[in-house]
Amino acid sequence: MNPEYKEEQNKATEGDGDTVDESKIVGEQEDADCAAEIAELTQKWEDSERLRLRLQADFDNARRRYRQERAELNDSAQAKVITSLLPILDEFERALSHPVEGADEKFLEGFQLIYRKLVNLLKAYKVEEIVALGEQMDPNYHEAVMRLATDDKPEGEITAVFKKGYRMNDKVLRAAQVQVAHQED
């Protein structure tokens, strides 16, 4: 061993006993650096996890909103098509209520078959007729197109239906056009 080094080492160990072990200082510094780095990495991980959870929630909300909008668009398209079929249904009912005398029986049966298929198609899409005759007038479901002055019927009772109303899934497709009773003065 180098004699000068040995002498310096002896000087460091001799003296007043206040010698500091350099390896302890370096070890404590390394420990502090590691702890700071661990804290920094932990904070970055927690921030990343919060961001991931927020993005996941945003994605789930967007997917839910997309499905809801798609369902609403589908319902709206169905309602539009079915609403356009209602005048055809009205014409079938009008024609069946006034059969032509001397009409071929097979022709009439075919006409009734087409009508029943149309009614069944509407039922498959949960289309229901709005009950009106004898009911109280409800502006959510009925459109009053005429008033009948009478003492025989209570105020606001529907006395006649001019055009049937329909709803699908509790949404009114077409309000029933009705005549409403009112009391004479």
N, C-alpha and C. Protein backbone atom coordinates (compact mmCIF):
# COMPACT_ATOMS: atom_id res chain seq x y z
N MET A 1 0.83 -1.15 0.00
CA MET A 1 0.00 0.00 0.00
C MET A 1 0.89 1.23 0.00
N ASN A 2 0.42 2.25 -0.59
CA ASN A 2 1.17 3.51 -0.68
C ASN A 2 1.30 4.11 0.71
N PRO A 3 2.55 4.43 1.14
CA PRO A 3 2.75 4.95 2.49
C PRO A 3 2.07 6.29 2.71
N GLU A 4 2.00 7.12 1.72
CA GLU A 4 1.35 8.44 1.90
C GLU A 4 -0.15 8.28 2.13
N TYR A 5 -0.74 7.36 1.47
CA TYR A 5 -2.17 7.11 1.61
C TYR A 5 -2.47 6.58 3.00
N LYS A 6 -1.59 5.67 3.44
CA LYS A 6 -1.76 5.09 4.75
C LYS A 6 -1.67 6.16 5.82
N GLU A 7 -0.79 7.07 5.62
CA GLU A 7 -0.60 8.16 6.59
C GLU A 7 -1.85 9.04 6.62
N GLU A 8 -2.41 9.36 5.50
CA GLU A 8 -3.61 10.18 5.46
C GLU A 8 -4.78 9.46 6.12
N GLN A 9 -4.81 8.18 5.92
CA GLN A 9 -5.88 7.39 6.50
C GLN A 9 -5.75 7.37 8.02
N ASN A 10 -4.54 7.25 8.49
CA ASN A 10 -4.31 7.26 9.93
C ASN A 10 -4.71 8.61 10.51
N LYS A 11 -4.37 9.69 9.81
CA LYS A 11 -4.73 11.02 10.29
C LYS A 11 -6.26 11.16 10.39
N ALA A 12 -6.96 10.58 9.45
CA ALA A 12 -8.41 10.69 9.45
C ALA A 12 -9.01 9.92 10.60
N THR A 13 -8.42 8.80 10.96
CA THR A 13 -8.96 8.01 12.05
C THR A 13 -8.49 8.48 13.39
N GLU A 14 -7.32 9.16 13.45
CA GLU A 14 -6.84 9.71 14.71
C GLU A 14 -7.46 11.07 14.93
N GLY A 15 -7.28 11.64 16.01
CA GLY A 15 -7.74 13.00 16.24
C GLY A 15 -8.84 13.02 17.25
N ASP A 16 -9.80 13.92 17.03
CA ASP A 16 -10.78 14.19 18.06
C ASP A 16 -12.04 13.29 17.97
N GLY A 17 -12.08 12.36 17.09
CA GLY A 17 -13.19 11.42 16.99
C GLY A 17 -14.35 11.95 16.18
N ASP A 18 -14.22 13.08 15.54
CA ASP A 18 -15.30 13.66 14.73
C ASP A 18 -15.18 13.26 13.27
N THR A 19 -14.75 12.15 13.00
CA THR A 19 -14.59 11.74 11.60
C THR A 19 -15.95 11.32 11.04
N VAL A 20 -16.15 11.58 9.79
CA VAL A 20 -17.39 11.27 9.10
C VAL A 20 -17.10 10.19 8.09
N ASP A 21 -17.94 9.20 8.12
CA ASP A 21 -17.77 8.12 7.16
C ASP A 21 -18.39 8.56 5.84
N GLU A 22 -17.52 8.67 4.84
CA GLU A 22 -17.96 9.16 3.53
C GLU A 22 -18.97 8.24 2.89
N SER A 23 -18.88 6.96 3.11
CA SER A 23 -19.80 6.01 2.50
C SER A 23 -21.22 6.18 3.04
N LYS A 24 -21.31 6.59 4.32
CA LYS A 24 -22.64 6.84 4.88
C LYS A 24 -23.28 8.06 4.23
N ILE A 25 -22.47 9.12 4.01
CA ILE A 25 -22.99 10.34 3.38
C ILE A 25 -23.45 10.04 1.97
N VAL A 26 -22.64 9.31 1.22
CA VAL A 26 -23.00 8.96 -0.16
C VAL A 26 -24.23 8.06 -0.15
N GLY A 27 -24.33 7.11 0.75
CA GLY A 27 -25.48 6.21 0.84
C GLY A 27 -26.75 6.95 1.18
N GLU A 28 -26.67 7.88 2.11
CA GLU A 28 -27.86 8.67 2.48
C GLU A 28 -28.30 9.53 1.31
N GLN A 29 -27.34 10.10 0.58
CA GLN A 29 -27.66 10.92 -0.60
C GLN A 29 -28.33 10.08 -1.67
N GLU A 30 -27.81 8.87 -1.89
CA GLU A 30 -28.41 7.97 -2.88
C GLU A 30 -29.82 7.58 -2.45
N ASP A 31 -30.00 7.31 -1.14
CA ASP A 31 -31.32 6.96 -0.63
C ASP A 31 -32.31 8.10 -0.85
N ALA A 32 -31.87 9.33 -0.58
CA ALA A 32 -32.73 10.50 -0.77
C ALA A 32 -33.07 10.67 -2.24
N ASP A 33 -32.08 10.48 -3.12
CA ASP A 33 -32.32 10.59 -4.55
C ASP A 33 -33.31 9.52 -5.02
N CYS A 34 -33.14 8.29 -4.53
CA CYS A 34 -34.05 7.19 -4.89
C CYS A 34 -35.47 7.48 -4.39
N ALA A 35 -35.56 7.96 -3.16
CA ALA A 35 -36.89 8.27 -2.60
C ALA A 35 -37.57 9.37 -3.41
N ALA A 36 -36.82 10.38 -3.79
CA ALA A 36 -37.39 11.46 -4.60
C ALA A 36 -37.82 10.94 -5.96
N GLU A 37 -37.00 10.06 -6.54
CA GLU A 37 -37.35 9.51 -7.85
C GLU A 37 -38.58 8.61 -7.74
N ILE A 38 -38.66 7.82 -6.65
CA ILE A 38 -39.83 6.96 -6.43
C ILE A 38 -41.09 7.82 -6.26
N ALA A 39 -40.97 8.89 -5.48
CA ALA A 39 -42.12 9.79 -5.27
C ALA A 39 -42.55 10.41 -6.60
N GLU A 40 -41.58 10.83 -7.41
CA GLU A 40 -41.89 11.44 -8.70
C GLU A 40 -42.56 10.42 -9.63
N LEU A 41 -42.03 9.21 -9.68
CA LEU A 41 -42.61 8.17 -10.53
C LEU A 41 -44.01 7.76 -10.03
N THR A 42 -44.17 7.70 -8.71
CA THR A 42 -45.47 7.38 -8.14
C THR A 42 -46.49 8.45 -8.52
N GLN A 43 -46.09 9.71 -8.44
CA GLN A 43 -46.98 10.81 -8.80
C GLN A 43 -47.35 10.73 -10.29
N LYS A 44 -46.35 10.44 -11.14
CA LYS A 44 -46.62 10.32 -12.58
C LYS A 44 -47.59 9.16 -12.84
N TRP A 45 -47.39 8.04 -12.13
CA TRP A 45 -48.26 6.90 -12.32
C TRP A 45 -49.69 7.23 -11.88
N GLU A 46 -49.83 7.91 -10.74
CA GLU A 46 -51.17 8.29 -10.26
C GLU A 46 -51.84 9.25 -11.23
N ASP A 47 -51.08 10.19 -11.77
CA ASP A 47 -51.63 11.12 -12.76
C ASP A 47 -52.08 10.36 -14.01
N SER A 48 -51.24 9.42 -14.44
CA SER A 48 -51.58 8.62 -15.62
C SER A 48 -52.82 7.78 -15.37
N GLU A 49 -52.93 7.22 -14.17
CA GLU A 49 -54.09 6.39 -13.82
C GLU A 49 -55.36 7.24 -13.79
N ARG A 50 -55.28 8.44 -13.21
CA ARG A 50 -56.44 9.35 -13.20
C ARG A 50 -56.84 9.71 -14.63
N LEU A 51 -55.87 9.99 -15.48
CA LEU A 51 -56.15 10.32 -16.88
C LEU A 51 -56.79 9.13 -17.58
N ARG A 52 -56.27 7.93 -17.35
CA ARG A 52 -56.82 6.73 -17.97
C ARG A 52 -58.28 6.52 -17.54
N LEU A 53 -58.54 6.68 -16.26
CA LEU A 53 -59.91 6.50 -15.76
C LEU A 53 -60.85 7.55 -16.33
N ARG A 54 -60.39 8.79 -16.44
CA ARG A 54 -61.21 9.86 -17.02
C ARG A 54 -61.49 9.59 -18.49
N LEU A 55 -60.46 9.15 -19.23
CA LEU A 55 -60.65 8.83 -20.64
C LEU A 55 -61.59 7.64 -20.82
N GLN A 56 -61.47 6.65 -19.93
CA GLN A 56 -62.36 5.48 -19.99
C GLN A 56 -63.81 5.92 -19.74
N ALA A 57 -64.01 6.79 -18.77
CA ALA A 57 -65.36 7.29 -18.48
C ALA A 57 -65.89 8.10 -19.65
N ASP A 58 -65.05 8.93 -20.25
CA ASP A 58 -65.47 9.71 -21.43
C ASP A 58 -65.85 8.79 -22.57
N PHE A 59 -65.06 7.74 -22.77
CA PHE A 59 -65.34 6.79 -23.84
C PHE A 59 -66.66 6.07 -23.58
N ASP A 60 -66.88 5.62 -22.33
CA ASP A 60 -68.13 4.94 -21.99
C ASP A 60 -69.33 5.86 -22.19
N ASN A 61 -69.19 7.12 -21.78
CA ASN A 61 -70.27 8.10 -21.98
C ASN A 61 -70.55 8.33 -23.45
N ALA A 62 -69.49 8.43 -24.25
CA ALA A 62 -69.66 8.65 -25.70
C ALA A 62 -70.36 7.44 -26.33
N ARG A 63 -69.97 6.24 -25.92
CA ARG A 63 -70.59 5.03 -26.46
C ARG A 63 -72.07 4.98 -26.07
N ARG A 64 -72.40 5.30 -24.81
CA ARG A 64 -73.78 5.31 -24.35
C ARG A 64 -74.59 6.36 -25.12
N ARG A 65 -74.01 7.55 -25.30
CA ARG A 65 -74.69 8.62 -26.04
C ARG A 65 -74.93 8.20 -27.49
N TYR A 66 -73.94 7.54 -28.10
CA TYR A 66 -74.07 7.09 -29.49
C TYR A 66 -75.21 6.08 -29.61
N ARG A 67 -75.26 5.12 -28.68
CA ARG A 67 -76.33 4.12 -28.72
C ARG A 67 -77.69 4.76 -28.54
N GLN A 68 -77.79 5.72 -27.62
CA GLN A 68 -79.06 6.40 -27.38
C GLN A 68 -79.48 7.21 -28.61
N GLU A 69 -78.55 7.94 -29.21
CA GLU A 69 -78.87 8.72 -30.40
C GLU A 69 -79.28 7.81 -31.56
N ARG A 70 -78.59 6.69 -31.66
CA ARG A 70 -78.90 5.74 -32.73
C ARG A 70 -80.31 5.16 -32.53
N ALA A 71 -80.65 4.82 -31.30
CA ALA A 71 -81.99 4.29 -31.01
C ALA A 71 -83.05 5.35 -31.29
N GLU A 72 -82.78 6.60 -30.89
CA GLU A 72 -83.74 7.68 -31.14
C GLU A 72 -83.90 7.93 -32.63
N LEU A 73 -82.81 7.86 -33.38
CA LEU A 73 -82.89 8.05 -34.83
C LEU A 73 -83.69 6.91 -35.47
N ASN A 74 -83.46 5.70 -34.99
CA ASN A 74 -84.21 4.55 -35.50
C ASN A 74 -85.69 4.70 -35.21
N ASP A 75 -86.03 5.08 -33.98
CA ASP A 75 -87.44 5.29 -33.61
C ASP A 75 -88.07 6.40 -34.45
N SER A 76 -87.31 7.47 -34.67
CA SER A 76 -87.81 8.59 -35.46
C SER A 76 -88.07 8.17 -36.91
N ALA A 77 -87.16 7.38 -37.46
CA ALA A 77 -87.34 6.91 -38.85
C ALA A 77 -88.55 5.99 -38.95
N GLN A 78 -88.70 5.09 -37.97
CA GLN A 78 -89.87 4.21 -37.96
C GLN A 78 -91.16 5.01 -37.86
N ALA A 79 -91.17 5.99 -36.96
CA ALA A 79 -92.36 6.81 -36.77
C ALA A 79 -92.72 7.55 -38.05
N LYS A 80 -91.70 8.02 -38.76
CA LYS A 80 -91.95 8.76 -40.00
C LYS A 80 -92.57 7.86 -41.07
N VAL A 81 -92.04 6.66 -41.20
CA VAL A 81 -92.58 5.72 -42.20
C VAL A 81 -93.99 5.31 -41.82
N ILE A 82 -94.20 4.99 -40.55
CA ILE A 82 -95.53 4.55 -40.11
C ILE A 82 -96.55 5.67 -40.24
N THR A 83 -96.14 6.90 -39.93
CA THR A 83 -97.05 8.04 -40.10
C THR A 83 -97.47 8.19 -41.55
N SER A 84 -96.57 7.90 -42.46
CA SER A 84 -96.93 7.99 -43.89
C SER A 84 -97.86 6.86 -44.31
N LEU A 85 -97.91 5.77 -43.54
CA LEU A 85 -98.83 4.67 -43.84
C LEU A 85 -100.25 4.91 -43.30
N LEU A 86 -100.38 5.79 -42.33
CA LEU A 86 -101.68 5.99 -41.69
C LEU A 86 -102.77 6.46 -42.66
N PRO A 87 -102.50 7.38 -43.60
CA PRO A 87 -103.56 7.74 -44.55
C PRO A 87 -104.02 6.55 -45.41
N ILE A 88 -103.10 5.63 -45.69
CA ILE A 88 -103.47 4.43 -46.46
C ILE A 88 -104.41 3.57 -45.62
N LEU A 89 -104.09 3.44 -44.33
CA LEU A 89 -104.96 2.69 -43.42
C LEU A 89 -106.34 3.34 -43.36
N ASP A 90 -106.38 4.67 -43.30
CA ASP A 90 -107.66 5.38 -43.28
C ASP A 90 -108.49 5.06 -44.52
N GLU A 91 -107.84 5.04 -45.67
CA GLU A 91 -108.55 4.76 -46.93
C GLU A 91 -109.07 3.33 -46.96
N PHE A 92 -108.28 2.39 -46.45
CA PHE A 92 -108.75 1.01 -46.37
C PHE A 92 -110.00 0.92 -45.50
N GLU A 93 -109.96 1.56 -44.34
CA GLU A 93 -111.11 1.52 -43.42
C GLU A 93 -112.34 2.16 -44.05
N ARG A 94 -112.12 3.27 -44.74
CA ARG A 94 -113.23 3.96 -45.40
C ARG A 94 -113.84 3.07 -46.49
N ALA A 95 -112.99 2.43 -47.27
CA ALA A 95 -113.47 1.57 -48.34
C ALA A 95 -114.20 0.34 -47.79
N LEU A 96 -113.69 -0.23 -46.69
CA LEU A 96 -114.33 -1.40 -46.12
C LEU A 96 -115.65 -1.07 -45.43
N SER A 97 -115.79 0.16 -44.94
CA SER A 97 -117.03 0.54 -44.27
C SER A 97 -118.15 0.82 -45.27
N HIS A 98 -117.83 1.03 -46.54
CA HIS A 98 -118.83 1.28 -47.59
C HIS A 98 -118.56 0.35 -48.76
N PRO A 99 -118.87 -0.93 -48.61
CA PRO A 99 -118.59 -1.87 -49.71
C PRO A 99 -119.46 -1.56 -50.93
N VAL A 100 -118.89 -1.80 -52.07
CA VAL A 100 -119.59 -1.56 -53.33
C VAL A 100 -120.50 -2.76 -53.60
N GLU A 101 -121.77 -2.47 -53.91
CA GLU A 101 -122.71 -3.56 -54.22
C GLU A 101 -122.32 -4.19 -55.54
N GLY A 102 -122.41 -5.50 -55.54
CA GLY A 102 -122.11 -6.24 -56.76
C GLY A 102 -120.62 -6.47 -56.96
N ALA A 103 -119.79 -6.12 -55.95
CA ALA A 103 -118.35 -6.33 -56.07
C ALA A 103 -118.06 -7.82 -55.96
N ASP A 104 -117.05 -8.24 -56.68
CA ASP A 104 -116.64 -9.64 -56.65
C ASP A 104 -116.22 -10.02 -55.23
N GLU A 105 -116.72 -11.16 -54.75
CA GLU A 105 -116.46 -11.62 -53.38
C GLU A 105 -114.96 -11.86 -53.16
N LYS A 106 -114.28 -12.42 -54.13
CA LYS A 106 -112.83 -12.68 -54.02
C LYS A 106 -112.06 -11.37 -53.93
N PHE A 107 -112.50 -10.39 -54.68
CA PHE A 107 -111.86 -9.08 -54.62
C PHE A 107 -111.98 -8.49 -53.22
N LEU A 108 -113.16 -8.58 -52.64
CA LEU A 108 -113.41 -8.06 -51.30
C LEU A 108 -112.57 -8.81 -50.26
N GLU A 109 -112.48 -10.14 -50.39
CA GLU A 109 -111.66 -10.93 -49.47
C GLU A 109 -110.19 -10.52 -49.57
N GLY A 110 -109.70 -10.32 -50.77
CA GLY A 110 -108.31 -9.89 -50.98
C GLY A 110 -108.06 -8.52 -50.37
N PHE A 111 -109.03 -7.64 -50.52
CA PHE A 111 -108.94 -6.29 -49.95
C PHE A 111 -108.86 -6.35 -48.43
N GLN A 112 -109.72 -7.21 -47.82
CA GLN A 112 -109.71 -7.38 -46.37
C GLN A 112 -108.41 -8.01 -45.89
N LEU A 113 -107.87 -8.93 -46.66
CA LEU A 113 -106.60 -9.57 -46.31
C LEU A 113 -105.47 -8.55 -46.28
N ILE A 114 -105.41 -7.70 -47.26
CA ILE A 114 -104.37 -6.66 -47.30
C ILE A 114 -104.53 -5.72 -46.10
N TYR A 115 -105.77 -5.38 -45.81
CA TYR A 115 -106.03 -4.50 -44.66
C TYR A 115 -105.55 -5.15 -43.36
N ARG A 116 -105.87 -6.42 -43.15
CA ARG A 116 -105.45 -7.14 -41.93
C ARG A 116 -103.92 -7.21 -41.84
N LYS A 117 -103.27 -7.43 -42.97
CA LYS A 117 -101.80 -7.48 -42.96
C LYS A 117 -101.20 -6.13 -42.58
N LEU A 118 -101.80 -5.07 -43.06
CA LEU A 118 -101.33 -3.73 -42.71
C LEU A 118 -101.54 -3.47 -41.22
N VAL A 119 -102.68 -3.86 -40.69
CA VAL A 119 -102.96 -3.68 -39.26
C VAL A 119 -101.98 -4.51 -38.43
N ASN A 120 -101.72 -5.75 -38.83
CA ASN A 120 -100.77 -6.60 -38.10
C ASN A 120 -99.34 -6.04 -38.17
N LEU A 121 -98.99 -5.46 -39.29
CA LEU A 121 -97.67 -4.83 -39.42
C LEU A 121 -97.54 -3.68 -38.42
N LEU A 122 -98.58 -2.87 -38.33
CA LEU A 122 -98.56 -1.75 -37.39
C LEU A 122 -98.51 -2.25 -35.94
N LYS A 123 -99.21 -3.32 -35.65
CA LYS A 123 -99.17 -3.90 -34.30
C LYS A 123 -97.77 -4.42 -33.97
N ALA A 124 -97.10 -4.97 -34.96
CA ALA A 124 -95.74 -5.49 -34.74
C ALA A 124 -94.79 -4.36 -34.34
N TYR A 125 -95.07 -3.16 -34.79
CA TYR A 125 -94.25 -1.99 -34.42
C TYR A 125 -94.85 -1.25 -33.23
N LYS A 126 -95.76 -1.91 -32.52
CA LYS A 126 -96.38 -1.37 -31.30
C LYS A 126 -97.16 -0.08 -31.54
N VAL A 127 -97.81 -0.02 -32.69
CA VAL A 127 -98.67 1.11 -33.01
C VAL A 127 -100.06 0.79 -32.46
N GLU A 128 -100.60 1.73 -31.70
CA GLU A 128 -101.92 1.54 -31.09
C GLU A 128 -102.83 2.69 -31.48
N GLU A 129 -104.10 2.36 -31.61
CA GLU A 129 -105.10 3.39 -31.86
C GLU A 129 -105.35 4.14 -30.55
N ILE A 130 -105.49 5.44 -30.63
CA ILE A 130 -105.82 6.26 -29.46
C ILE A 130 -107.32 6.20 -29.26
N VAL A 131 -107.73 5.72 -28.10
CA VAL A 131 -109.16 5.61 -27.79
C VAL A 131 -109.71 7.03 -27.63
N ALA A 132 -110.85 7.29 -28.29
CA ALA A 132 -111.37 8.65 -28.25
C ALA A 132 -112.85 8.72 -27.94
N LEU A 133 -113.67 7.99 -28.66
CA LEU A 133 -115.12 8.11 -28.54
C LEU A 133 -115.58 7.82 -27.11
N GLY A 134 -116.32 8.79 -26.52
CA GLY A 134 -116.83 8.65 -25.16
C GLY A 134 -115.83 9.05 -24.08
N GLU A 135 -114.60 9.35 -24.46
CA GLU A 135 -113.56 9.76 -23.51
C GLU A 135 -113.60 11.28 -23.32
N GLN A 136 -112.94 11.75 -22.28
CA GLN A 136 -112.77 13.19 -22.08
C GLN A 136 -111.70 13.69 -23.03
N MET A 137 -111.91 14.87 -23.54
CA MET A 137 -110.95 15.50 -24.44
C MET A 137 -109.60 15.69 -23.73
N ASP A 138 -108.54 15.21 -24.36
CA ASP A 138 -107.17 15.38 -23.86
C ASP A 138 -106.35 15.96 -25.01
N PRO A 139 -105.91 17.21 -24.90
CA PRO A 139 -105.19 17.83 -26.02
C PRO A 139 -103.88 17.14 -26.37
N ASN A 140 -103.41 16.27 -25.50
CA ASN A 140 -102.20 15.51 -25.81
C ASN A 140 -102.48 14.41 -26.84
N TYR A 141 -103.72 13.95 -26.89
CA TYR A 141 -104.09 12.84 -27.77
C TYR A 141 -105.19 13.17 -28.77
N HIS A 142 -105.92 14.25 -28.52
CA HIS A 142 -107.07 14.58 -29.37
C HIS A 142 -106.95 16.00 -29.91
N GLU A 143 -107.44 16.17 -31.11
CA GLU A 143 -107.50 17.50 -31.73
C GLU A 143 -108.98 17.80 -31.98
N ALA A 144 -109.51 18.78 -31.26
CA ALA A 144 -110.92 19.14 -31.41
C ALA A 144 -111.08 19.94 -32.69
N VAL A 145 -111.88 19.41 -33.62
CA VAL A 145 -112.12 20.12 -34.88
C VAL A 145 -113.55 20.62 -34.96
N MET A 146 -114.38 20.20 -33.97
CA MET A 146 -115.76 20.64 -33.98
C MET A 146 -116.31 20.55 -32.56
N ARG A 147 -117.25 21.44 -32.26
CA ARG A 147 -117.93 21.41 -30.95
C ARG A 147 -119.40 21.11 -31.18
N LEU A 148 -119.99 20.37 -30.25
CA LEU A 148 -121.40 20.03 -30.32
C LEU A 148 -122.08 20.58 -29.07
N ALA A 149 -123.01 21.50 -29.27
CA ALA A 149 -123.76 22.07 -28.14
C ALA A 149 -124.83 21.07 -27.74
N THR A 150 -124.74 20.58 -26.50
CA THR A 150 -125.69 19.59 -26.03
C THR A 150 -125.77 19.61 -24.51
N ASP A 151 -126.94 19.18 -24.00
CA ASP A 151 -127.10 19.03 -22.56
C ASP A 151 -127.04 17.55 -22.18
N ASP A 152 -127.02 16.68 -23.19
CA ASP A 152 -127.03 15.23 -22.97
C ASP A 152 -125.67 14.68 -22.56
N LYS A 153 -124.62 15.33 -22.96
CA LYS A 153 -123.26 14.83 -22.71
C LYS A 153 -122.52 15.79 -21.78
N PRO A 154 -121.61 15.26 -20.97
CA PRO A 154 -120.82 16.15 -20.10
C PRO A 154 -119.85 17.01 -20.92
N GLU A 155 -119.51 18.15 -20.36
CA GLU A 155 -118.58 19.09 -21.00
C GLU A 155 -117.25 18.38 -21.29
N GLY A 156 -116.79 18.50 -22.53
CA GLY A 156 -115.49 17.96 -22.91
C GLY A 156 -115.49 16.51 -23.34
N GLU A 157 -116.66 15.86 -23.34
CA GLU A 157 -116.70 14.46 -23.79
C GLU A 157 -116.64 14.41 -25.31
N ILE A 158 -115.92 13.45 -25.84
CA ILE A 158 -115.80 13.30 -27.29
C ILE A 158 -117.05 12.58 -27.80
N THR A 159 -117.74 13.23 -28.74
CA THR A 159 -119.00 12.68 -29.25
C THR A 159 -118.85 12.04 -30.63
N ALA A 160 -117.78 12.38 -31.35
CA ALA A 160 -117.56 11.78 -32.67
C ALA A 160 -116.06 11.82 -32.99
N VAL A 161 -115.63 10.84 -33.79
CA VAL A 161 -114.23 10.78 -34.23
C VAL A 161 -114.24 10.89 -35.74
N PHE A 162 -113.56 11.89 -36.26
CA PHE A 162 -113.49 12.09 -37.71
C PHE A 162 -112.27 11.41 -38.31
N LYS A 163 -111.19 11.39 -37.57
CA LYS A 163 -109.97 10.71 -38.02
C LYS A 163 -109.31 10.09 -36.80
N LYS A 164 -109.05 8.79 -36.89
CA LYS A 164 -108.45 8.07 -35.76
C LYS A 164 -107.03 8.60 -35.46
N GLY A 165 -106.70 8.54 -34.20
CA GLY A 165 -105.36 8.90 -33.78
C GLY A 165 -104.56 7.64 -33.45
N TYR A 166 -103.23 7.76 -33.56
CA TYR A 166 -102.36 6.61 -33.30
C TYR A 166 -101.15 7.05 -32.50
N ARG A 167 -100.63 6.09 -31.73
CA ARG A 167 -99.40 6.33 -30.99
C ARG A 167 -98.52 5.09 -31.11
N MET A 168 -97.23 5.32 -30.95
CA MET A 168 -96.26 4.22 -30.99
C MET A 168 -95.30 4.43 -29.81
N ASN A 169 -95.21 3.44 -28.95
CA ASN A 169 -94.33 3.52 -27.77
C ASN A 169 -94.63 4.79 -26.96
N ASP A 170 -95.88 5.06 -26.74
CA ASP A 170 -96.34 6.23 -25.97
C ASP A 170 -96.01 7.56 -26.63
N LYS A 171 -95.61 7.56 -27.88
CA LYS A 171 -95.39 8.80 -28.63
C LYS A 171 -96.53 8.93 -29.63
N VAL A 172 -97.18 10.08 -29.62
CA VAL A 172 -98.31 10.31 -30.52
C VAL A 172 -97.80 10.49 -31.95
N LEU A 173 -98.29 9.62 -32.84
CA LEU A 173 -97.95 9.75 -34.25
C LEU A 173 -98.91 10.73 -34.93
N ARG A 174 -100.19 10.59 -34.55
CA ARG A 174 -101.21 11.50 -35.08
C ARG A 174 -102.32 11.59 -34.05
N ALA A 175 -102.67 12.81 -33.71
CA ALA A 175 -103.77 13.02 -32.76
C ALA A 175 -105.09 12.70 -33.44
N ALA A 176 -106.03 12.17 -32.67
CA ALA A 176 -107.37 11.89 -33.20
C ALA A 176 -108.11 13.20 -33.41
N GLN A 177 -108.74 13.35 -34.56
CA GLN A 177 -109.55 14.53 -34.84
C GLN A 177 -110.97 14.22 -34.39
N VAL A 178 -111.47 15.04 -33.47
CA VAL A 178 -112.72 14.70 -32.79
C VAL A 178 -113.68 15.88 -32.69
N GLN A 179 -114.92 15.52 -32.35
CA GLN A 179 -115.96 16.49 -32.02
C GLN A 179 -116.15 16.41 -30.51
N VAL A 180 -116.24 17.57 -29.86
CA VAL A 180 -116.31 17.62 -28.40
C VAL A 180 -117.62 18.28 -27.99
N ALA A 181 -118.23 17.71 -26.95
CA ALA A 181 -119.48 18.26 -26.42
C ALA A 181 -119.18 19.46 -25.52
N HIS A 182 -120.08 20.45 -25.61
CA HIS A 182 -120.01 21.56 -24.66
C HIS A 182 -121.45 21.92 -24.28
N GLN A 183 -121.58 22.40 -23.06
CA GLN A 183 -122.90 22.69 -22.51
C GLN A 183 -123.46 23.96 -23.13
N GLU A 184 -124.75 23.89 -23.45
CA GLU A 184 -125.41 25.08 -23.99
C GLU A 184 -125.69 26.05 -22.86
N ASP A 185 -125.62 27.31 -23.15
CA ASP A 185 -125.88 28.35 -22.14
C ASP A 185 -127.32 28.77 -22.12
